Amino acid sequence: MDAETVREVLLLAESLAAREGLVAPSVGQVVVSGEPPGSGMVKVYEGVWVDLVSESIYVEEGTLDNVVFRLLVGYFALSVYKSFGKIHWEVARDLARKHFFTVLVKLVRAR
């Protein structure tokens, strides 16, 4: 996934998080890779890790739909953490599921 697509996903996620009443994180870095992340990352879902200090997201490579879903889970995990001071991976996953198709359709139409 190219950097522009990642940026588009994060911008859409930011807008959706605001609609859900969540605080937007200041995402420091996003890594999409086939290698496991280094230490200091918290696993929030299969193939998704976040760094709570730098507000970074690390996701495993995959198909477009898988990477988009993982990015949404990572973004919402950071947003929920910033809003409530706790990681609620179930809430992050549910928000990603709720908004996944909207984001995916917008990305595909923009291409």
Protein backbone atom coordinates (compact mmCIF):
# COMPACT_ATOMS: atom_id res chain seq x y z
CA MET A 1 0.00 0.00 0.00
CA ASP A 2 1.42 3.37 -0.97
CA ALA A 3 1.81 6.33 1.38
CA GLU A 4 -0.99 8.31 -0.27
CA THR A 5 -3.52 5.52 0.31
CA VAL A 6 -2.43 5.21 3.95
CA ARG A 7 -2.88 8.97 4.33
CA GLU A 8 -6.38 8.79 2.83
CA VAL A 9 -7.38 5.98 5.21
CA LEU A 10 -6.12 7.97 8.21
CA LEU A 11 -7.95 11.13 7.12
CA LEU A 12 -11.19 9.19 6.73
CA ALA A 13 -10.61 7.48 10.10
CA GLU A 14 -10.02 10.87 11.74
CA SER A 15 -13.34 12.16 10.43
CA LEU A 16 -15.17 9.01 11.53
CA ALA A 17 -13.59 9.09 15.00
CA ALA A 18 -14.77 12.68 15.42
CA ARG A 19 -18.30 11.63 14.44
CA GLU A 20 -18.09 8.92 17.11
CA GLY A 21 -17.10 11.55 19.70
CA LEU A 22 -13.51 10.34 20.04
CA VAL A 23 -10.33 12.38 20.34
CA ALA A 24 -8.06 12.17 17.29
CA PRO A 25 -4.56 10.84 17.98
CA SER A 26 -1.49 12.54 16.51
CA VAL A 27 -0.29 9.53 14.56
CA GLY A 28 3.49 9.65 14.58
CA GLN A 29 4.25 6.87 12.11
CA VAL A 30 2.52 4.15 10.15
CA VAL A 31 4.39 1.03 9.09
CA VAL A 32 2.97 -1.60 6.75
CA SER A 33 5.38 -4.54 6.71
CA GLY A 34 5.73 -8.28 6.54
CA GLU A 35 8.12 -8.32 9.50
CA PRO A 36 6.98 -8.35 13.14
CA PRO A 37 7.31 -5.04 15.00
CA GLY A 38 9.97 -4.27 17.55
CA SER A 39 9.41 -4.20 21.28
CA GLY A 40 7.28 -1.53 22.89
CA MET A 41 4.30 -2.13 20.63
CA VAL A 42 0.94 -3.31 21.99
CA LYS A 43 -0.93 -5.88 19.93
CA VAL A 44 -4.54 -4.73 19.60
CA TYR A 45 -5.77 -7.14 16.93
CA GLU A 46 -4.45 -9.79 14.58
CA GLY A 47 -1.79 -8.08 12.48
CA VAL A 48 -2.16 -4.73 14.27
CA TRP A 49 0.14 -3.14 16.86
CA VAL A 50 0.25 0.38 18.27
CA ASP A 51 2.79 2.40 20.21
CA LEU A 52 0.91 4.41 22.82
CA VAL A 53 3.74 6.88 23.41
CA SER A 54 4.51 7.86 19.81
CA GLU A 55 0.94 7.08 18.69
CA SER A 56 2.30 4.94 15.87
CA ILE A 57 0.53 2.15 14.02
CA TYR A 58 2.16 -1.03 12.71
CA VAL A 59 0.19 -3.40 10.48
CA GLU A 60 1.08 -6.56 8.62
CA GLU A 61 1.01 -6.51 4.85
CA GLY A 62 -1.95 -8.06 3.07
CA THR A 63 -4.59 -7.38 0.48
CA LEU A 64 -6.01 -3.85 0.19
CA ASP A 65 -9.10 -4.73 2.23
CA ASN A 66 -7.07 -6.40 5.00
CA VAL A 67 -4.63 -3.50 5.32
CA VAL A 68 -7.46 -0.93 5.32
CA PHE A 69 -9.25 -2.83 8.11
CA ARG A 70 -6.02 -3.15 10.11
CA LEU A 71 -5.27 0.55 9.74
CA LEU A 72 -8.78 1.39 10.95
CA VAL A 73 -8.40 -0.88 13.98
CA GLY A 74 -5.04 0.71 14.81
CA TYR A 75 -6.35 4.24 14.40
CA PHE A 76 -9.48 3.60 16.46
CA ALA A 77 -7.41 1.84 19.16
CA LEU A 78 -5.26 4.96 19.52
CA SER A 79 -8.32 7.20 19.42
CA VAL A 80 -10.12 5.21 22.11
CA TYR A 81 -6.96 5.21 24.23
CA LYS A 82 -6.55 8.97 23.84
CA SER A 83 -10.22 9.52 24.69
CA PHE A 84 -10.52 7.18 27.69
CA GLY A 85 -6.98 6.34 28.82
CA LYS A 86 -7.44 2.60 28.20
CA ILE A 87 -7.09 0.31 25.24
CA HIS A 88 -10.42 -1.24 24.39
CA TRP A 89 -9.53 -3.38 21.39
CA GLU A 90 -13.09 -4.67 21.13
CA VAL A 91 -14.40 -1.12 20.68
CA ALA A 92 -11.67 -0.38 18.13
CA ARG A 93 -12.53 -3.57 16.22
CA ASP A 94 -16.25 -2.82 16.29
CA LEU A 95 -15.71 0.74 15.02
CA ALA A 96 -13.47 -0.58 12.25
CA ARG A 97 -16.16 -3.08 11.26
CA LYS A 98 -18.84 -0.39 11.35
CA HIS A 99 -16.96 1.96 9.03
CA PHE A 100 -14.91 -0.48 6.92
CA PHE A 101 -17.07 -0.61 3.80
CA THR A 102 -17.56 3.15 3.71
CA VAL A 103 -13.81 3.70 3.77
CA LEU A 104 -13.06 0.93 1.27
CA VAL A 105 -15.65 2.21 -1.22
CA LYS A 106 -14.31 5.78 -0.96
CA LEU A 107 -10.78 4.53 -1.60
CA VAL A 108 -11.76 2.43 -4.61
CA ARG A 109 -13.85 5.21 -6.13
CA ALA A 110 -10.98 7.68 -5.74
CA ARG A 111 -8.69 5.52 -7.85
